[in-house]
Amino acid sequence: MIVGVLSRCTPSASPIGTAIVTIFGSNIGSGSDIYNVTFGGIAASQIISQNSSVVVVSVTSLTAVANANIAVYSVSYGTSSLSSAFSFLVGMRYLQATHHCIR
């Protein structure tokens, strides 16, 4: 079995809540067989689109999660993972709400 490889995701961080995340790689699915994506064990709420090198998902977290591993599960290519790839951050909420950089 060819194993998929994840290379990056965008964005790599989001405020607590729901985020749309695009994950890039190679051989991560056949185009329709990705059945789960997790962020530090939190399952994506929806797989929006997928092909062999990109999957777009919606994921929700109600708590801060730093440097979560991403795992993509495919019938054809097994599990592909990317270490310390995504964070849900509390401080970003202020940045979005006020449009100012507050640390």
Protein backbone atom coordinates (compact mmCIF):
# COMPACT_ATOMS: atom_id res chain seq x y z
CA MET A 1 0.00 0.00 0.00
CA ILE A 2 1.25 3.46 -0.89
CA VAL A 3 1.19 5.66 2.19
CA GLY A 4 0.05 9.27 1.95
CA VAL A 5 2.21 12.17 3.05
CA LEU A 6 0.90 15.46 4.48
CA SER A 7 3.04 18.54 3.86
CA ARG A 8 1.19 21.55 5.34
CA CYS A 9 -2.14 23.11 6.19
CA THR A 10 -3.59 26.57 5.85
CA PRO A 11 -4.36 28.28 8.08
CA SER A 12 -2.12 26.77 10.74
CA ALA A 13 -4.03 28.50 13.55
CA SER A 14 -7.54 29.76 14.17
CA PRO A 15 -9.55 31.34 16.97
CA ILE A 16 -11.54 28.96 19.15
CA GLY A 17 -14.69 28.00 17.28
CA THR A 18 -15.09 26.70 13.74
CA ALA A 19 -12.33 26.84 11.14
CA ILE A 20 -12.14 25.87 7.49
CA VAL A 21 -8.74 24.20 6.99
CA THR A 22 -7.06 23.12 3.76
CA ILE A 23 -4.59 20.26 4.12
CA PHE A 24 -2.00 19.58 1.40
CA GLY A 25 -0.02 16.44 0.66
CA SER A 26 0.36 13.58 -1.78
CA ASN A 27 -1.51 10.28 -2.00
CA ILE A 28 -3.81 11.29 0.84
CA GLY A 29 -6.94 9.90 -0.84
CA SER A 30 -8.40 8.69 -4.11
CA GLY A 31 -10.71 11.68 -4.45
CA SER A 32 -13.66 10.24 -2.57
CA ASP A 33 -12.38 7.82 0.07
CA ILE A 34 -11.19 10.10 2.90
CA TYR A 35 -13.56 9.22 5.70
CA ASN A 36 -12.12 11.12 8.68
CA VAL A 37 -9.73 13.95 9.52
CA THR A 38 -8.67 14.72 13.09
CA PHE A 39 -6.89 17.64 14.77
CA GLY A 40 -5.33 16.47 18.03
CA GLY A 41 -8.06 13.84 18.24
CA ILE A 42 -10.88 16.29 17.41
CA ALA A 43 -12.76 14.98 14.38
CA ALA A 44 -13.54 17.36 11.56
CA SER A 45 -17.25 18.14 11.50
CA GLN A 46 -17.38 18.08 7.69
CA ILE A 47 -15.19 17.05 4.79
CA ILE A 48 -15.95 19.82 2.30
CA SER A 49 -13.87 18.62 -0.65
CA GLN A 50 -11.10 16.16 -1.36
CA ASN A 51 -8.76 14.83 -4.04
CA SER A 52 -5.46 12.94 -4.02
CA SER A 53 -3.42 15.95 -2.82
CA VAL A 54 -5.82 18.33 -1.01
CA VAL A 55 -8.62 17.95 1.52
CA VAL A 56 -10.71 20.85 2.84
CA VAL A 57 -12.50 20.37 6.16
CA SER A 58 -14.50 22.23 8.76
CA VAL A 59 -13.37 21.63 12.34
CA THR A 60 -14.71 23.03 15.62
CA SER A 61 -13.04 23.34 19.00
CA LEU A 62 -14.45 25.05 22.09
CA THR A 63 -11.13 24.98 23.92
CA ALA A 64 -7.58 26.07 23.15
CA VAL A 65 -5.50 23.38 21.44
CA ALA A 66 -1.84 24.08 20.67
CA ASN A 67 0.31 22.28 18.11
CA ALA A 68 -2.23 19.57 17.33
CA ASN A 69 -1.27 16.68 15.08
CA ILE A 70 -3.42 16.33 11.96
CA ALA A 71 -4.41 12.86 10.74
CA VAL A 72 -6.19 12.09 7.45
CA TYR A 73 -7.83 8.65 7.14
CA SER A 74 -8.28 7.17 3.67
CA VAL A 75 -9.56 3.76 2.57
CA SER A 76 -6.95 3.57 -0.22
CA TYR A 77 -3.90 5.12 1.49
CA GLY A 78 -4.38 4.51 5.20
CA THR A 79 -3.53 7.20 7.72
CA SER A 80 -1.41 10.23 6.80
CA SER A 81 -0.27 12.53 9.59
CA LEU A 82 1.40 15.87 10.15
CA SER A 83 2.91 16.64 13.57
CA SER A 84 2.32 19.87 15.49
CA ALA A 85 0.47 21.38 12.55
CA PHE A 86 -2.57 23.29 13.85
CA SER A 87 -3.67 25.35 16.86
CA PHE A 88 -6.93 26.80 18.16
CA LEU A 89 -5.90 29.93 20.06
CA VAL A 90 -7.77 32.10 22.55
CA GLY A 91 -5.83 35.31 21.79
CA MET A 92 -6.75 35.31 18.10
CA ARG A 93 -10.36 36.00 19.03
CA TYR A 94 -9.38 39.50 20.13
CA LEU A 95 -7.42 40.09 16.95
CA GLN A 96 -10.42 39.16 14.80
CA ALA A 97 -12.98 41.04 16.87
CA THR A 98 -11.10 44.34 17.04
CA HIS A 99 -8.93 44.15 13.92
CA HIS A 100 -5.96 45.20 16.07
CA CYS A 101 -2.95 43.24 17.13
CA ILE A 102 -3.39 42.75 20.87
CA ARG A 103 -0.93 40.57 22.75
